[in-house]
Amino acid sequence: MTKTMQKKYARLIARVGANIKKGQPVRIYCEADQHEFITILVNECYKAGASRVEVDWGFQAVTKLNYKYRSLKSLSEVPAWQEERLKLMVEEVPCRIYIESEDPDGLAGVDREKMQKSQMARYKITKKYSDALENKDQWCIAAVPSYAWAKKVFPNETKTKAYNMLWDAILKTVYVSKDNDPIEEWQNHNADLKKRTAYLNEKKFDYLEYKSSNGTDFKASLIPESHWCGGGENTLSGNFFNPNLPTEEVFISPKKGFAEGKLVSTKPLSYQGQIINNFYITFKDGKAVEWKAEEGQDLLDKMLSMDEGAKYLGELALIPYNSPIANTGILFYNTLFDENASCHVALGRGFCDTIDGFEDKSLEECQSLGVNDSMIHVDFMIGAPDLEITGYKDGKAYPIFKDGNWAF
């Protein structure tokens, strides 16, 4: 992949994804083996106006060793210096950029109970800081390939060819090509998504019904005071940003406690460096009450028991079966991409910015209306070629999806 194309992508992340404002600090979270692209990205962040760019380097192989050798007590601690950094982040409100490149199988073999318990313990300490930043900062999740990830996606290719093929696929999904202006492309893309949300918001549906021949038969109520979102978002101070590159979804947070029926997954779920595949979850009174996976049952059990909110839904997202990402024919084994190739729902934390007038409401007020709270937010894919989604308002049915695609 040429440096020119990587620079074009980095500029998109800095100016459209995070939309860095002049004088704003930036934090980048990434893997250590991505130093070449991160150097390009840091340069673009400064060109966009960043006052300071900090890079938090991680490395999946080292993370795996930490889970192997450190005690549960040690893994559960948040050192004083880390907590001070969190406090500073709340004060400064930096842009946060997350660059994903991890091996989907990179944490296979890790003690899942140790991982779960340590994450739960740390979350109790860090939650107040993430809550304090809710809807205040711009953040963006994007991705670059690693050799291990590329070989997972293209197992029959050589390491180098697979790597280059994954680069090409990623850039295609984010509308970066040799001859175009990706920033202009994203302005048009956001406008298209806003047209979809405008129609859905005009209808103000009471609930949605999902049906598919694979066994999905499900209903979820919507919060009366809520609205659909899609594409870019605004912070409380009015800064527009795109939290996901790529994105093809329009989404809403359902009303906690009001979901019934069965949802069947249609794509593998990469969660914490491991795979959950061919699974279903059944809901009653909004809560997951039964679930089974052909692969990763233990991991699914752990995920749904992270906290009380993990068994409730935080998001309903609509993406046509023939979306640009789906039409690549590639299974990315990465939720950022696979969720944008398929309708999906999310277990766990909901979004306050789907609540009308959220700018003037506290986190507690949004949650009292029905937005779910949890330490996790995990998307799983349910899109299918025959998926039908119907919206109901005052007993009248309106087709939203037919044969897996938009019906309006």
Protein backbone atom coordinates (compact mmCIF):
# COMPACT_ATOMS: atom_id res chain seq x y z
CA MET A 1 0.00 0.00 0.00
CA THR A 2 1.48 3.34 -1.06
CA LYS A 3 2.29 6.06 1.46
CA THR A 4 0.10 8.42 -0.59
CA MET A 5 -2.98 6.28 0.01
CA GLN A 6 -2.14 5.82 3.68
CA LYS A 7 -1.75 9.57 4.04
CA LYS A 8 -5.13 10.11 2.38
CA TYR A 9 -6.70 7.68 4.85
CA ALA A 10 -4.96 9.25 7.84
CA ARG A 11 -6.19 12.68 6.78
CA LEU A 12 -9.74 11.30 6.61
CA ILE A 13 -9.46 9.91 10.14
CA ALA A 14 -8.13 13.18 11.53
CA ARG A 15 -10.49 15.57 9.73
CA VAL A 16 -13.69 13.55 9.18
CA GLY A 17 -13.50 10.81 11.79
CA ALA A 18 -12.26 12.71 14.83
CA ASN A 19 -12.69 16.15 13.22
CA ILE A 20 -9.92 17.61 15.37
CA LYS A 21 -10.40 21.24 16.35
CA LYS A 22 -7.55 23.72 16.46
CA GLY A 23 -5.81 23.56 19.82
CA GLN A 24 -7.43 20.27 20.85
CA PRO A 25 -5.30 17.45 22.30
CA VAL A 26 -5.52 13.98 20.74
CA ARG A 27 -5.03 10.48 22.13
CA ILE A 28 -4.41 7.56 19.78
CA TYR A 29 -4.82 3.96 20.94
CA CYS A 30 -3.13 1.36 18.73
CA GLU A 31 -0.92 -1.70 18.41
CA ALA A 32 2.86 -1.28 18.48
CA ASP A 33 3.35 -3.01 15.12
CA GLN A 34 1.45 -0.17 13.41
CA HIS A 35 4.13 2.45 14.06
CA GLU A 36 4.55 3.38 10.39
CA PHE A 37 0.89 4.25 9.84
CA ILE A 38 0.59 5.85 13.28
CA THR A 39 3.48 8.18 12.42
CA ILE A 40 1.56 9.29 9.33
CA LEU A 41 -1.61 9.70 11.40
CA VAL A 42 0.14 11.77 14.08
CA ASN A 43 1.43 14.09 11.37
CA GLU A 44 -2.09 14.52 9.98
CA CYS A 45 -3.46 15.20 13.47
CA TYR A 46 -1.01 18.04 13.93
CA LYS A 47 -1.84 19.39 10.48
CA ALA A 48 -5.51 19.36 11.48
CA GLY A 49 -4.73 21.59 14.46
CA ALA A 50 -3.95 19.26 17.37
CA SER A 51 -2.11 20.92 20.23
CA ARG A 52 -0.63 17.65 21.48
CA VAL A 53 -0.82 14.07 20.24
CA GLU A 54 -0.25 11.20 22.67
CA VAL A 55 -0.01 7.59 21.53
CA ASP A 56 -0.98 4.74 23.85
CA TRP A 57 0.85 1.75 22.43
CA GLY A 58 -0.43 -1.75 23.09
CA PHE A 59 0.55 -5.17 21.80
CA GLN A 60 -1.81 -8.11 21.76
CA ALA A 61 0.92 -10.71 22.36
CA VAL A 62 2.01 -8.85 25.50
CA THR A 63 -1.61 -8.51 26.62
CA LYS A 64 -1.91 -12.29 26.36
CA LEU A 65 1.21 -12.74 28.50
CA ASN A 66 -0.18 -10.35 31.10
CA TYR A 67 -3.31 -12.47 31.40
CA LYS A 68 -1.15 -15.58 31.66
CA TYR A 69 1.32 -14.44 34.33
CA ARG A 70 -0.25 -11.61 36.33
CA SER A 71 -2.51 -12.38 39.27
CA LEU A 72 -6.19 -11.51 39.25
CA LYS A 73 -5.48 -8.91 41.93
CA SER A 74 -2.78 -7.28 39.82
CA LEU A 75 -4.93 -7.27 36.67
CA SER A 76 -7.84 -5.75 38.60
CA GLU A 77 -5.91 -2.72 39.80
CA VAL A 78 -5.97 0.73 38.24
CA PRO A 79 -2.63 2.32 39.20
CA ALA A 80 -2.75 5.85 40.56
CA TRP A 81 -0.95 7.24 37.51
CA GLN A 82 -3.56 5.71 35.18
CA GLU A 83 -6.38 7.20 37.19
CA GLU A 84 -4.68 10.60 37.10
CA ARG A 85 -4.56 10.31 33.30
CA LEU A 86 -8.28 9.58 33.26
CA LYS A 87 -8.94 12.63 35.40
CA LEU A 88 -6.86 14.75 33.02
CA MET A 89 -8.78 13.36 30.06
CA VAL A 90 -12.07 14.47 31.62
CA GLU A 91 -10.61 17.94 32.18
CA GLU A 92 -9.08 18.35 28.72
CA VAL A 93 -11.67 16.43 26.63
CA PRO A 94 -9.27 15.27 23.92
CA CYS A 95 -10.19 13.63 20.65
CA ARG A 96 -9.77 9.87 20.97
CA ILE A 97 -8.76 7.76 17.98
CA TYR A 98 -8.75 3.96 18.15
CA ILE A 99 -6.87 2.10 15.42
CA GLU A 100 -7.81 -1.58 15.34
CA SER A 101 -5.52 -4.21 13.81
CA GLU A 102 -5.58 -7.11 16.26
CA ASP A 103 -5.56 -10.79 15.32
CA PRO A 104 -9.16 -12.07 15.73
CA ASP A 105 -7.72 -15.21 17.37
CA GLY A 106 -4.93 -13.43 19.22
CA LEU A 107 -6.25 -14.03 22.73
CA ALA A 108 -7.30 -17.65 22.23
CA GLY A 109 -6.36 -19.73 25.24
CA VAL A 110 -6.55 -16.87 27.73
CA ASP A 111 -8.21 -17.64 31.08
CA ARG A 112 -11.63 -16.15 30.33
CA GLU A 113 -12.71 -16.00 33.96
CA LYS A 114 -9.58 -14.07 34.92
CA MET A 115 -10.16 -11.70 32.01
CA GLN A 116 -13.81 -11.18 32.91
CA LYS A 117 -13.28 -10.62 36.63
CA SER A 118 -10.37 -8.21 36.13
CA GLN A 119 -12.30 -6.17 33.56
CA MET A 120 -15.31 -5.97 35.86
CA ALA A 121 -13.11 -4.79 38.74
CA ARG A 122 -11.38 -2.13 36.65
CA TYR A 123 -14.69 -0.94 35.22
CA LYS A 124 -16.00 -0.13 38.69
CA ILE A 125 -13.11 2.30 39.06
CA THR A 126 -13.05 3.79 35.56
CA LYS A 127 -16.81 4.04 34.89
CA LYS A 128 -17.17 7.48 36.45
CA TYR A 129 -14.63 8.88 34.01
CA SER A 130 -16.24 7.38 30.91
CA ASP A 131 -19.63 8.62 32.13
CA ALA A 132 -18.18 12.11 32.59
CA LEU A 133 -17.09 12.16 28.93
CA GLU A 134 -20.46 10.97 27.59
CA ASN A 135 -21.29 13.00 24.44
CA LYS A 136 -18.56 15.55 25.21
CA ASP A 137 -15.63 14.36 23.11
CA GLN A 138 -15.08 13.40 19.50
CA TRP A 139 -13.91 9.83 19.06
CA CYS A 140 -13.28 7.62 16.07
CA ILE A 141 -12.65 3.92 15.54
CA ALA A 142 -10.84 2.96 12.34
CA ALA A 143 -8.61 0.07 11.30
CA VAL A 144 -5.44 -0.88 9.47
CA PRO A 145 -4.34 -4.40 8.57
CA SER A 146 -1.88 -6.61 10.40
CA TYR A 147 -0.39 -9.74 8.88
CA ALA A 148 -2.15 -12.04 11.36
CA TRP A 149 -5.55 -10.42 10.79
CA ALA A 150 -5.03 -10.49 7.01
CA LYS A 151 -4.21 -14.21 7.03
CA LYS A 152 -7.41 -14.87 9.01
CA VAL A 153 -9.44 -13.04 6.35
CA PHE A 154 -7.55 -14.48 3.35
CA PRO A 155 -6.17 -17.82 4.59
CA ASN A 156 -5.30 -19.16 1.12
CA GLU A 157 -3.06 -16.23 0.18
CA THR A 158 0.56 -15.55 1.03
CA LYS A 159 1.15 -13.33 4.03
CA THR A 160 2.16 -10.33 1.94
CA LYS A 161 -0.63 -10.70 -0.61
CA ALA A 162 -3.24 -11.13 2.14
CA TYR A 163 -1.93 -7.99 3.85
CA ASN A 164 -2.19 -5.93 0.66
CA MET A 165 -5.64 -7.34 -0.12
CA LEU A 166 -6.89 -6.34 3.33
CA TRP A 167 -5.47 -2.84 2.87
CA ASP A 168 -7.36 -2.55 -0.43
CA ALA A 169 -10.58 -3.83 1.16
CA ILE A 170 -10.38 -1.45 4.11
CA LEU A 171 -9.81 1.59 1.91
CA LYS A 172 -12.73 0.58 -0.30
CA THR A 173 -15.08 0.44 2.70
CA VAL A 174 -14.14 3.99 3.77
CA TYR A 175 -14.42 5.47 0.26
CA VAL A 176 -10.71 6.17 -0.18
CA SER A 177 -9.48 5.67 -3.74
CA LYS A 178 -6.64 6.94 -5.86
CA ASP A 179 -8.61 9.58 -7.75
CA ASN A 180 -11.34 10.75 -5.35
CA ASP A 181 -11.73 13.23 -2.52
CA PRO A 182 -12.77 11.01 0.42
CA ILE A 183 -13.82 14.00 2.52
CA GLU A 184 -16.36 15.02 -0.14
CA GLU A 185 -17.45 11.38 -0.47
CA TRP A 186 -18.17 11.27 3.26
CA GLN A 187 -20.18 14.47 3.14
CA ASN A 188 -22.42 12.86 0.52
CA HIS A 189 -22.54 9.56 2.41
CA ASN A 190 -23.63 11.27 5.62
CA ALA A 191 -26.35 13.12 3.72
CA ASP A 192 -27.73 9.80 2.41
CA LEU A 193 -27.84 8.29 5.90
CA LYS A 194 -29.62 11.37 7.24
CA LYS A 195 -32.40 10.84 4.67
CA ARG A 196 -33.01 7.37 6.10
CA THR A 197 -33.12 8.61 9.67
CA ALA A 198 -35.48 11.44 8.71
CA TYR A 199 -38.07 8.95 7.42
CA LEU A 200 -37.80 6.71 10.48
CA ASN A 201 -38.01 9.65 12.86
CA GLU A 202 -41.09 10.98 11.10
CA LYS A 203 -42.88 7.66 11.73
CA LYS A 204 -42.07 7.52 15.48
CA PHE A 205 -42.60 3.77 15.65
CA ASP A 206 -43.82 2.15 18.86
CA TYR A 207 -41.95 -1.08 18.21
CA LEU A 208 -40.13 -3.10 15.55
CA GLU A 209 -40.71 -6.71 14.55
CA TYR A 210 -37.97 -8.89 12.99
CA LYS A 211 -38.60 -12.15 11.10
CA SER A 212 -36.31 -14.44 9.12
CA SER A 213 -36.40 -18.08 8.02
CA ASN A 214 -33.26 -18.84 10.06
CA GLY A 215 -35.31 -18.62 13.26
CA THR A 216 -35.21 -14.94 14.07
CA ASP A 217 -38.61 -13.91 15.44
CA PHE A 218 -38.28 -10.86 17.64
CA LYS A 219 -39.95 -7.66 18.82
CA ALA A 220 -38.39 -4.62 20.51
CA SER A 221 -40.13 -1.51 21.81
CA LEU A 222 -38.68 1.94 21.22
CA ILE A 223 -38.41 4.79 23.69
CA PRO A 224 -41.12 7.37 22.86
CA GLU A 225 -38.67 10.21 23.51
CA SER A 226 -36.01 8.77 21.20
CA HIS A 227 -34.83 9.26 17.63
CA TRP A 228 -32.78 7.42 15.01
CA CYS A 229 -29.18 8.42 14.31
CA GLY A 230 -26.85 7.62 11.46
CA GLY A 231 -23.48 8.66 10.13
CA GLY A 232 -21.84 11.56 11.91
CA GLU A 233 -22.79 12.84 15.34
CA ASN A 234 -22.47 16.06 17.32
CA THR A 235 -20.90 16.52 20.72
CA LEU A 236 -22.69 18.59 23.33
CA SER A 237 -20.58 21.56 22.25
CA GLY A 238 -21.61 21.09 18.61
CA ASN A 239 -18.51 19.43 17.16
CA PHE A 240 -19.48 17.10 14.32
CA PHE A 241 -17.56 13.82 14.01
CA ASN A 242 -17.85 10.30 12.59
CA PRO A 243 -17.33 7.72 15.35
CA ASN A 244 -16.92 4.77 12.98
CA LEU A 245 -14.96 4.56 9.75
CA PRO A 246 -16.62 2.78 7.99
CA THR A 247 -20.31 3.13 8.79
CA GLU A 248 -23.42 2.18 6.83
CA GLU A 249 -25.89 2.02 9.72
CA VAL A 250 -28.79 3.94 11.13
CA PHE A 251 -29.44 3.05 14.74
CA ILE A 252 -31.48 3.66 17.87
CA SER A 253 -31.42 2.49 21.48
CA PRO A 254 -34.47 0.35 22.35
CA LYS A 255 -36.44 0.61 25.58
CA LYS A 256 -34.86 -1.51 28.29
CA GLY A 257 -37.10 -4.33 29.49
CA PHE A 258 -39.30 -4.44 26.39
CA ALA A 259 -37.95 -7.06 23.99
CA GLU A 260 -39.34 -10.50 23.24
CA GLY A 261 -38.28 -13.41 21.08
CA LYS A 262 -35.29 -15.00 19.42
CA LEU A 263 -32.39 -13.45 17.50
CA VAL A 264 -30.14 -15.72 15.41
CA SER A 265 -26.62 -14.63 14.48
CA THR A 266 -25.61 -14.66 10.82
CA LYS A 267 -21.88 -13.88 11.10
CA PRO A 268 -19.10 -14.89 13.49
CA LEU A 269 -18.52 -12.50 16.38
CA SER A 270 -14.93 -11.60 17.28
CA TYR A 271 -14.93 -10.78 20.99
CA GLN A 272 -11.84 -10.21 23.13
CA GLY A 273 -9.54 -11.89 20.64
CA GLN A 274 -11.71 -15.00 20.28
CA ILE A 275 -14.60 -16.15 18.07
CA ILE A 276 -18.25 -16.84 18.92
CA ASN A 277 -20.10 -18.44 16.01
CA ASN A 278 -23.52 -19.83 15.07
CA PHE A 279 -25.40 -18.67 18.12
CA TYR A 280 -28.82 -17.45 19.15
CA ILE A 281 -30.18 -15.45 22.07
CA THR A 282 -33.77 -15.50 23.34
CA PHE A 283 -35.21 -12.52 25.21
CA LYS A 284 -38.11 -12.23 27.64
CA ASP A 285 -39.15 -8.92 29.21
CA GLY A 286 -36.12 -7.39 27.52
CA LYS A 287 -33.62 -9.74 29.14
CA ALA A 288 -31.57 -12.54 27.58
CA VAL A 289 -32.89 -15.73 29.17
CA GLU A 290 -31.50 -18.42 26.87
CA TRP A 291 -28.50 -18.59 24.55
CA LYS A 292 -26.47 -21.20 22.75
CA ALA A 293 -23.41 -21.13 20.49
CA GLU A 294 -21.90 -23.88 18.36
CA GLU A 295 -18.50 -22.24 18.88
CA GLY A 296 -17.49 -20.11 21.87
CA GLN A 297 -20.29 -21.07 24.28
CA ASP A 298 -18.14 -20.36 27.33
CA LEU A 299 -17.15 -16.96 25.95
CA LEU A 300 -20.80 -16.12 25.23
CA ASP A 301 -21.66 -17.12 28.81
CA LYS A 302 -18.96 -14.83 30.18
CA MET A 303 -19.99 -11.93 27.94
CA LEU A 304 -23.62 -12.09 29.05
CA SER A 305 -22.64 -12.18 32.71
CA MET A 306 -20.28 -9.19 32.70
CA ASP A 307 -22.92 -7.21 34.59
CA GLU A 308 -26.71 -6.98 34.84
CA GLY A 309 -26.95 -4.69 31.80
CA ALA A 310 -25.07 -7.15 29.59
CA LYS A 311 -28.23 -9.23 29.22
CA TYR A 312 -30.22 -6.27 27.84
CA LEU A 313 -30.01 -4.56 24.46
CA GLY A 314 -28.43 -1.16 23.90
CA GLU A 315 -28.79 -0.75 20.15
CA LEU A 316 -30.84 -1.71 17.10
CA ALA A 317 -29.01 -0.99 13.85
CA LEU A 318 -30.31 -1.20 10.29
CA ILE A 319 -27.99 -1.97 7.36
CA PRO A 320 -29.16 -3.42 4.01
CA TYR A 321 -28.04 -6.91 3.06
CA ASN A 322 -26.55 -5.51 -0.15
CA SER A 323 -24.56 -2.79 1.63
CA PRO A 324 -21.22 -1.80 0.03
CA ILE A 325 -19.31 -3.74 2.69
CA ALA A 326 -21.48 -6.84 2.33
CA ASN A 327 -21.01 -6.69 -1.43
CA THR A 328 -17.24 -7.07 -1.03
CA GLY A 329 -18.01 -10.68 -0.13
CA ILE A 330 -15.40 -10.50 2.63
CA LEU A 331 -15.87 -11.70 6.18
CA PHE A 332 -13.54 -9.39 8.11
CA TYR A 333 -13.71 -11.12 11.51
CA ASN A 334 -13.85 -7.61 12.93
CA THR A 335 -17.05 -6.07 14.27
CA LEU A 336 -16.26 -2.59 12.93
CA PHE A 337 -16.63 -3.96 9.40
CA ASP A 338 -18.92 -6.95 9.79
CA GLU A 339 -21.51 -4.92 11.70
CA ASN A 340 -21.68 -2.56 8.73
CA ALA A 341 -22.36 -5.45 6.37
CA SER A 342 -25.47 -6.58 8.21
CA CYS A 343 -28.33 -5.54 10.42
CA HIS A 344 -27.22 -6.01 13.99
CA VAL A 345 -28.15 -5.44 17.59
CA ALA A 346 -25.89 -4.68 20.54
CA LEU A 347 -25.88 -6.20 23.96
CA GLY A 348 -25.10 -3.81 26.77
CA ARG A 349 -24.73 -0.06 26.90
CA GLY A 350 -27.13 2.14 24.98
CA PHE A 351 -26.64 5.64 23.54
CA CYS A 352 -27.91 8.73 25.30
CA ASP A 353 -27.62 10.75 22.09
CA THR A 354 -30.62 8.82 20.72
CA ILE A 355 -32.80 10.57 23.31
CA ASP A 356 -34.63 13.76 22.30
CA GLY A 357 -33.07 16.75 24.04
CA PHE A 358 -30.24 14.63 25.45
CA GLU A 359 -28.08 17.75 25.54
CA ASP A 360 -30.05 18.98 28.55
CA LYS A 361 -30.45 15.61 30.28
CA SER A 362 -28.17 13.84 32.71
CA LEU A 363 -26.98 10.29 32.15
CA GLU A 364 -29.35 9.16 34.88
CA GLU A 365 -32.31 10.89 33.22
CA CYS A 366 -31.57 9.15 29.90
CA GLN A 367 -31.33 5.81 31.63
CA SER A 368 -34.60 6.41 33.47
CA LEU A 369 -36.31 6.75 30.08
CA GLY A 370 -35.07 3.30 29.07
CA VAL A 371 -31.48 3.58 27.82
CA ASN A 372 -29.55 0.54 29.04
CA ASP A 373 -26.32 0.82 31.03
CA SER A 374 -23.51 -1.72 31.04
CA MET A 375 -19.74 -2.03 30.95
CA ILE A 376 -20.02 -3.74 27.55
CA HIS A 377 -21.39 -2.78 24.15
CA VAL A 378 -21.11 -5.77 21.83
CA ASP A 379 -22.69 -5.86 18.37
CA PHE A 380 -23.74 -9.12 16.77
CA MET A 381 -25.02 -9.56 13.27
CA ILE A 382 -28.52 -10.75 12.35
CA GLY A 383 -28.92 -9.59 8.73
CA ALA A 384 -30.17 -12.21 6.27
CA PRO A 385 -31.31 -12.24 2.62
CA ASP A 386 -34.93 -12.78 3.68
CA LEU A 387 -34.96 -10.61 6.81
CA GLU A 388 -38.15 -8.60 7.17
CA ILE A 389 -38.40 -5.72 9.62
CA THR A 390 -41.73 -4.04 10.23
CA GLY A 391 -42.36 -0.89 12.20
CA TYR A 392 -45.63 -0.46 14.09
CA LYS A 393 -47.28 2.81 15.01
CA ASP A 394 -50.70 2.84 16.70
CA GLY A 395 -51.27 -0.70 15.44
CA LYS A 396 -50.50 0.11 11.80
CA ALA A 397 -47.66 -1.79 10.09
CA TYR A 398 -45.02 -0.09 7.93
CA PRO A 399 -42.42 -2.15 6.03
CA ILE A 400 -38.85 -1.10 6.83
CA PHE A 401 -36.91 -4.06 5.40
CA LYS A 402 -38.03 -6.61 2.83
CA ASP A 403 -35.79 -9.43 1.58
CA GLY A 404 -32.96 -8.05 3.66
CA ASN A 405 -32.97 -4.55 2.17
CA TRP A 406 -34.66 -1.19 2.63
CA ALA A 407 -38.35 -1.22 1.79
CA PHE A 408 -38.58 2.57 1.43
